[in-house]
Amino acid sequence: MTTKADKKESILLVDDEEALRGILNKGLEMRGYTCAEAGDGEQALEKLKSDPTDLVIMDINMPGRPGNEVLPEMTEKFPGTSVIMASGVNDNRVIAQCIKDGAQDYIRKPFRFEQVLQSINGTLDKRRVILEIQHYFRSVRRHSRRAGPRQLFLGAIEALINTLEAVDNYTYGHSHQVMEMALAIGRRRRLDEDELEDLRWAALLHDVGKIAVDPDILNKPGELTPGEYRHIMTHAVVGPSLVKPFVNDNVVEIISHHHDHYDGGGFNQSLRGRDIPVGARIIAVADAYQAMISNRPYRPAMTAASAIEELLACSGSQFDPVITAILITLVQQKAS
């Protein structure tokens, strides 16, 4: 029997198959979760209005609006609720769009109950950490307003980023290094002070969304599967949602697009060329260069010369050619 102390988070099960909802409901309540049910997306939205839950597990193919059409509205109206999509739809484009629209995970039907439990545990673990970070941001923001200088807030966020990166020997100091490189490029591009300040924040926070990425996948020594790559790329969605209450829209947009390819060929991107925010184009090059000259689980650090060759090979396709040229000049001047 579940005691009050054993109670876990609440879960809303959204599926038109009543028998499947019943099986999941019984199994999850036996493990301490509080469950509710909805037969379609509209019913789920109504239930969330009156009784918000911590997690939604939602099918796609249901009567009325498909689950993937309900998802963006659900994540916008109920940002404190995590969503797992569970469906027989195997179209990678649909899956990628669900992740972009805020789903934390995607389980393919037919699934085993153990798979569902694993996804729930991972998603709720990430949710707890994200809520802690948001609480930290709010408390630091309040303190910085009382203290006055905005620099105090930036210093506190730097400390948080250092703490997050300290658990991974491969990325410790990465965000700060990207920030320094991005600012150097920004000054060469003659960005004004406001643009440089936005660039500073975006570069420092560009990878904060990786707090929601499975560390086993993030540090995998071998080649990533397409599904693992999609999972890692969710950090560019989670990050903006984390920092949005505390930074301006320009910073949010830069973080959202820092993995866009200049030619438009990146993961599920909507912008290309100069339509991509200049800060995002700068961070894309600085981020890639710093990653290449650092040790990674799957390879040793590259030399600066090899990293430059790789940047040149991708200039005009993945990277803005003008910004690439500026970075190369900065690196060569530093070495001379």
Protein backbone atom coordinates (compact mmCIF):
# COMPACT_ATOMS: atom_id res chain seq x y z
CA MET A 1 0.00 0.00 0.00
CA THR A 2 1.28 3.48 -0.87
CA THR A 3 1.71 5.83 2.08
CA LYS A 4 1.58 9.62 1.92
CA ALA A 5 5.36 9.76 2.21
CA ASP A 6 5.68 7.47 -0.83
CA LYS A 7 3.51 9.65 -3.07
CA LYS A 8 5.21 10.67 -6.30
CA GLU A 9 4.30 13.12 -9.05
CA SER A 10 0.92 13.26 -10.80
CA ILE A 11 0.49 11.90 -14.34
CA LEU A 12 -2.26 12.48 -16.92
CA LEU A 13 -2.69 9.61 -19.39
CA VAL A 14 -4.09 10.80 -22.74
CA ASP A 15 -5.11 8.02 -25.13
CA ASP A 16 -8.32 6.96 -26.86
CA GLU A 17 -7.66 3.31 -25.94
CA GLU A 18 -9.42 2.97 -22.58
CA ALA A 19 -7.93 -0.47 -21.90
CA LEU A 20 -4.37 0.83 -22.38
CA ARG A 21 -5.05 3.80 -20.09
CA GLY A 22 -6.38 1.44 -17.47
CA ILE A 23 -3.31 -0.82 -17.59
CA LEU A 24 -0.91 2.12 -17.32
CA ASN A 25 -3.00 3.74 -14.60
CA LYS A 26 -3.02 0.63 -12.43
CA GLY A 27 0.69 -0.07 -12.90
CA LEU A 28 1.74 3.52 -12.17
CA GLU A 29 -0.50 3.93 -9.13
CA MET A 30 0.98 0.74 -7.70
CA ARG A 31 4.34 2.55 -7.89
CA GLY A 32 3.11 5.63 -6.05
CA TYR A 33 2.04 7.92 -8.88
CA THR A 34 -1.31 9.72 -8.88
CA CYS A 35 -2.95 9.22 -12.28
CA ALA A 36 -5.82 10.78 -14.19
CA GLU A 37 -7.11 9.91 -17.65
CA ALA A 38 -8.33 11.70 -20.78
CA GLY A 39 -9.63 10.20 -24.00
CA ASP A 40 -8.45 12.95 -26.36
CA GLY A 41 -6.36 16.11 -26.52
CA GLU A 42 -9.16 18.61 -25.89
CA GLN A 43 -10.26 16.70 -22.80
CA ALA A 44 -6.65 16.72 -21.62
CA LEU A 45 -6.41 20.51 -21.95
CA GLU A 46 -9.61 20.94 -19.96
CA LYS A 47 -8.34 18.65 -17.21
CA LEU A 48 -5.06 20.54 -17.02
CA LYS A 49 -6.93 23.84 -16.58
CA SER A 50 -8.74 22.56 -13.51
CA ASP A 51 -6.10 20.21 -12.16
CA PRO A 52 -2.53 20.74 -13.46
CA THR A 53 -0.31 17.67 -13.42
CA ASP A 54 3.44 17.15 -13.37
CA LEU A 55 3.55 14.88 -16.43
CA VAL A 56 1.39 14.06 -19.45
CA ILE A 57 1.78 10.88 -21.51
CA MET A 58 -0.08 11.49 -24.78
CA ASP A 59 -0.86 9.54 -27.95
CA ILE A 60 -0.90 11.16 -31.39
CA ASN A 61 -3.69 9.35 -33.25
CA MET A 62 -6.86 10.19 -31.31
CA PRO A 63 -10.35 11.47 -32.15
CA GLY A 64 -10.46 15.20 -32.89
CA ARG A 65 -7.11 17.01 -32.91
CA PRO A 66 -4.09 14.71 -33.09
CA GLY A 67 -1.84 14.75 -30.04
CA ASN A 68 1.02 16.38 -31.92
CA GLU A 69 -1.27 19.31 -32.79
CA VAL A 70 -2.37 19.66 -29.16
CA LEU A 71 1.24 19.49 -27.91
CA PRO A 72 2.37 23.09 -28.72
CA GLU A 73 -0.71 24.54 -27.03
CA MET A 74 -0.21 22.29 -24.03
CA THR A 75 3.45 23.19 -23.52
CA GLU A 76 2.72 26.91 -23.97
CA LYS A 77 -0.24 27.03 -21.57
CA PHE A 78 1.21 24.65 -19.00
CA PRO A 79 5.00 25.14 -19.01
CA GLY A 80 5.36 23.41 -15.65
CA THR A 81 4.02 20.15 -17.09
CA SER A 82 6.40 17.76 -18.85
CA VAL A 83 5.10 15.77 -21.84
CA ILE A 84 6.02 12.34 -23.17
CA MET A 85 4.56 11.40 -26.55
CA ALA A 86 3.66 7.69 -26.85
CA SER A 87 2.50 6.68 -30.30
CA GLY A 88 2.69 4.19 -33.12
CA VAL A 89 3.68 7.00 -35.52
CA ASN A 90 7.24 6.30 -36.66
CA ASP A 91 7.79 9.27 -38.99
CA ASN A 92 11.09 10.87 -37.93
CA ARG A 93 9.86 14.28 -39.03
CA VAL A 94 6.84 14.01 -36.73
CA ILE A 95 9.06 12.85 -33.87
CA ALA A 96 11.51 15.72 -34.43
CA GLN A 97 8.67 18.25 -34.49
CA CYS A 98 7.26 16.85 -31.23
CA ILE A 99 10.65 17.33 -29.57
CA LYS A 100 10.87 20.85 -30.98
CA ASP A 101 7.37 21.60 -29.69
CA GLY A 102 8.41 20.70 -26.15
CA ALA A 103 7.98 16.95 -25.68
CA GLN A 104 10.64 15.59 -23.34
CA ASP A 105 10.59 12.10 -24.83
CA TYR A 106 8.93 9.96 -27.49
CA ILE A 107 8.02 6.30 -26.96
CA ARG A 108 7.04 4.16 -29.92
CA LYS A 109 4.09 1.79 -29.62
CA PRO A 110 3.86 -1.07 -28.96
CA PHE A 111 5.91 -0.57 -25.80
CA ARG A 112 6.69 -2.51 -22.65
CA PHE A 113 5.67 -1.13 -19.26
CA GLU A 114 9.35 -1.06 -18.26
CA GLN A 115 10.05 1.29 -21.18
CA VAL A 116 7.34 3.65 -19.99
CA LEU A 117 8.70 3.58 -16.44
CA GLN A 118 12.21 4.34 -17.67
CA SER A 119 10.97 7.28 -19.72
CA ILE A 120 8.87 8.60 -16.81
CA ASN A 121 11.76 8.35 -14.35
CA GLY A 122 14.17 10.10 -16.71
CA THR A 123 11.71 12.85 -17.64
CA LEU A 124 10.70 13.57 -14.06
CA ASP A 125 14.33 13.58 -12.92
CA LYS A 126 15.05 16.25 -15.54
CA ARG A 127 11.92 18.18 -14.53
CA ARG A 128 13.06 18.31 -10.90
CA VAL A 129 16.47 19.65 -11.91
CA ILE A 130 14.93 22.20 -14.29
CA LEU A 131 12.57 23.44 -11.57
CA GLU A 132 15.54 23.79 -9.21
CA ILE A 133 17.43 25.82 -11.81
CA GLN A 134 14.42 28.05 -12.45
CA HIS A 135 14.06 28.60 -8.71
CA TYR A 136 17.75 29.47 -8.57
CA PHE A 137 17.39 31.94 -11.45
CA ARG A 138 14.43 33.63 -9.75
CA SER A 139 16.18 33.91 -6.40
CA VAL A 140 19.36 35.31 -7.98
CA ARG A 141 17.31 37.74 -10.07
CA ARG A 142 15.53 39.02 -6.95
CA HIS A 143 18.84 39.39 -5.12
CA SER A 144 20.50 41.18 -8.04
CA ARG A 145 17.62 43.65 -8.26
CA ARG A 146 17.98 44.48 -4.60
CA ALA A 147 21.75 44.74 -4.90
CA GLY A 148 21.56 46.87 -8.02
CA PRO A 149 24.24 45.86 -10.54
CA ARG A 150 23.23 43.50 -13.31
CA GLN A 151 26.79 42.17 -13.17
CA LEU A 152 25.90 40.46 -9.89
CA PHE A 153 23.28 38.37 -11.67
CA LEU A 154 25.70 37.51 -14.48
CA GLY A 155 28.33 36.47 -11.92
CA ALA A 156 25.86 34.20 -10.17
CA ILE A 157 24.83 32.58 -13.46
CA GLU A 158 28.50 32.05 -14.32
CA ALA A 159 28.87 30.24 -11.02
CA LEU A 160 25.85 28.06 -11.85
CA ILE A 161 27.20 27.20 -15.31
CA ASN A 162 30.58 26.29 -13.78
CA THR A 163 28.82 24.02 -11.30
CA LEU A 164 26.83 22.28 -14.06
CA GLU A 165 29.93 21.79 -16.21
CA ALA A 166 32.04 20.58 -13.29
CA VAL A 167 30.37 17.16 -13.43
CA ASP A 168 31.79 16.60 -16.94
CA ASN A 169 35.56 16.77 -17.40
CA TYR A 170 35.07 17.12 -21.15
CA THR A 171 33.04 20.34 -21.06
CA TYR A 172 34.29 22.11 -17.94
CA GLY A 173 34.82 25.76 -18.81
CA HIS A 174 33.37 25.34 -22.31
CA SER A 175 30.62 27.97 -22.02
CA HIS A 176 33.02 30.58 -20.68
CA GLN A 177 35.50 29.87 -23.49
CA VAL A 178 32.75 30.15 -26.09
CA MET A 179 31.65 33.43 -24.51
CA GLU A 180 35.14 34.92 -24.71
CA MET A 181 35.58 33.84 -28.32
CA ALA A 182 32.10 35.04 -29.30
CA LEU A 183 32.69 38.46 -27.75
CA ALA A 184 36.00 38.81 -29.59
CA ILE A 185 34.22 38.04 -32.86
CA GLY A 186 31.38 40.40 -31.96
CA ARG A 187 33.80 43.26 -31.38
CA ARG A 188 35.44 42.62 -34.77
CA ARG A 189 31.95 42.69 -36.31
CA ARG A 190 31.48 46.08 -34.61
CA LEU A 191 28.40 45.03 -32.66
CA ASP A 192 27.11 47.76 -30.38
CA GLU A 193 27.18 47.48 -26.57
CA ASP A 194 23.63 46.15 -26.30
CA GLU A 195 24.32 43.50 -28.94
CA LEU A 196 27.53 42.49 -27.18
CA GLU A 197 25.69 42.20 -23.87
CA ASP A 198 23.05 39.95 -25.46
CA LEU A 199 25.83 37.91 -27.05
CA ARG A 200 27.54 37.53 -23.67
CA TRP A 201 24.41 36.16 -22.03
CA ALA A 202 23.53 33.86 -24.94
CA ALA A 203 27.04 32.42 -25.20
CA LEU A 204 27.23 31.80 -21.48
CA LEU A 205 23.81 30.12 -21.41
CA HIS A 206 23.80 28.41 -24.82
CA ASP A 207 24.22 24.90 -23.40
CA VAL A 208 22.17 25.22 -20.21
CA GLY A 209 19.49 23.04 -21.82
CA LYS A 210 21.87 20.08 -21.67
CA ILE A 211 20.80 19.68 -18.06
CA ALA A 212 17.82 17.84 -19.57
CA VAL A 213 19.98 15.56 -21.75
CA ASP A 214 20.78 12.01 -20.68
CA PRO A 215 24.46 12.13 -19.57
CA ASP A 216 25.05 8.60 -20.88
CA ILE A 217 24.14 9.82 -24.37
CA LEU A 218 25.96 13.13 -23.96
CA ASN A 219 29.19 11.29 -23.05
CA LYS A 220 28.77 8.32 -25.38
CA PRO A 221 32.19 7.30 -26.72
CA GLY A 222 30.84 5.99 -30.03
CA GLU A 223 28.78 7.37 -32.90
CA LEU A 224 25.31 8.63 -32.01
CA THR A 225 22.20 7.00 -33.42
CA PRO A 226 19.66 9.32 -35.11
CA GLY A 227 17.45 9.05 -32.03
CA GLU A 228 20.33 9.93 -29.70
CA TYR A 229 21.23 12.92 -31.87
CA ARG A 230 17.62 14.15 -31.74
CA HIS A 231 17.69 13.75 -27.97
CA ILE A 232 20.86 15.84 -27.60
CA MET A 233 19.45 18.53 -29.87
CA THR A 234 16.54 19.03 -27.48
CA HIS A 235 18.91 21.20 -25.42
CA ALA A 236 18.39 23.99 -27.97
CA VAL A 237 14.66 23.83 -27.11
CA VAL A 238 14.92 23.27 -23.36
CA GLY A 239 17.55 25.99 -22.88
CA PRO A 240 15.45 28.88 -24.22
CA SER A 241 12.43 27.76 -22.19
CA LEU A 242 14.58 27.73 -19.05
CA VAL A 243 16.05 31.20 -19.44
CA LYS A 244 13.11 32.96 -21.13
CA PRO A 245 11.68 34.45 -17.88
CA PHE A 246 15.03 36.01 -17.01
CA VAL A 247 16.59 37.35 -20.22
CA ASN A 248 15.36 39.40 -23.17
CA ASP A 249 13.89 38.00 -26.39
CA ASN A 250 17.11 38.58 -28.34
CA VAL A 251 19.02 36.25 -26.03
CA VAL A 252 16.27 33.62 -26.28
CA GLU A 253 16.37 33.77 -30.08
CA ILE A 254 20.16 33.46 -30.19
CA ILE A 255 20.11 30.36 -27.96
CA SER A 256 17.22 28.86 -29.97
CA HIS A 257 19.16 29.13 -33.25
CA HIS A 258 22.77 28.53 -32.21
CA HIS A 259 22.79 25.12 -33.96
CA ASP A 260 21.19 26.38 -37.19
CA HIS A 261 23.23 25.85 -40.35
CA TYR A 262 23.94 28.88 -42.49
CA ASP A 263 22.54 27.14 -45.59
CA GLY A 264 19.35 26.07 -43.79
CA GLY A 265 20.31 22.40 -43.64
CA GLY A 266 20.44 21.99 -39.87
CA PHE A 267 18.21 19.94 -37.59
CA ASN A 268 14.59 20.94 -38.14
CA GLN A 269 15.46 24.62 -38.63
CA SER A 270 13.26 27.34 -40.11
CA LEU A 271 15.77 30.14 -40.83
CA ARG A 272 18.78 30.37 -43.09
CA GLY A 273 21.59 32.76 -44.00
CA ARG A 274 21.41 36.26 -42.61
CA ASP A 275 17.91 35.61 -41.26
CA ILE A 276 19.58 33.61 -38.49
CA PRO A 277 20.37 36.04 -35.63
CA VAL A 278 23.96 37.26 -35.92
CA GLY A 279 24.62 36.22 -32.33
CA ALA A 280 23.55 32.66 -33.15
CA ARG A 281 25.83 32.61 -36.21
CA ILE A 282 28.73 33.80 -34.06
CA ILE A 283 28.12 31.25 -31.30
CA ALA A 284 27.77 28.45 -33.88
CA VAL A 285 31.34 29.04 -35.08
CA ALA A 286 32.84 29.72 -31.64
CA ASP A 287 31.08 26.70 -30.13
CA ALA A 288 32.25 24.37 -32.90
CA TYR A 289 35.85 25.58 -32.73
CA GLN A 290 36.07 25.26 -28.95
CA ALA A 291 34.52 21.78 -29.12
CA MET A 292 36.98 20.65 -31.79
CA ILE A 293 40.09 21.77 -29.87
CA SER A 294 38.85 20.08 -26.68
CA ASN A 295 38.90 16.41 -25.69
CA ARG A 296 35.61 14.61 -26.22
CA PRO A 297 34.48 11.11 -25.15
CA TYR A 298 34.65 9.93 -28.77
CA ARG A 299 37.97 11.58 -29.81
CA PRO A 300 41.01 13.48 -28.53
CA ALA A 301 41.33 17.23 -29.02
CA MET A 302 42.12 18.42 -32.52
CA THR A 303 44.96 20.83 -33.23
CA ALA A 304 44.05 24.43 -34.01
CA ALA A 305 45.21 23.89 -37.61
CA SER A 306 42.95 20.85 -38.05
CA ALA A 307 40.01 22.69 -36.49
CA ILE A 308 40.53 25.59 -38.90
CA GLU A 309 40.56 23.17 -41.85
CA GLU A 310 37.24 21.76 -40.65
CA LEU A 311 35.73 25.22 -40.28
CA LEU A 312 36.85 26.14 -43.80
CA ALA A 313 35.34 22.93 -45.17
CA CYS A 314 31.99 23.87 -43.60
CA SER A 315 32.16 27.61 -44.34
CA GLY A 316 29.12 28.70 -46.32
CA SER A 317 27.19 25.52 -45.52
CA GLN A 318 27.17 25.04 -41.76
CA PHE A 319 28.85 28.31 -40.84
CA ASP A 320 28.60 31.96 -41.87
CA PRO A 321 31.68 32.49 -44.09
CA VAL A 322 32.32 36.05 -42.85
CA ILE A 323 32.21 35.02 -39.19
CA THR A 324 34.33 31.94 -39.93
CA ALA A 325 36.98 34.16 -41.50
CA ILE A 326 36.98 36.45 -38.45
CA LEU A 327 37.46 33.55 -36.05
CA ILE A 328 40.31 32.12 -38.12
CA THR A 329 42.01 35.53 -38.17
CA LEU A 330 41.67 35.83 -34.39
CA VAL A 331 43.13 32.35 -33.84
CA GLN A 332 46.05 32.98 -36.19
CA GLN A 333 46.80 36.37 -34.64
CA LYS A 334 46.80 34.85 -31.18
CA ALA A 335 49.23 32.13 -32.30
CA SER A 336 51.66 34.55 -33.99
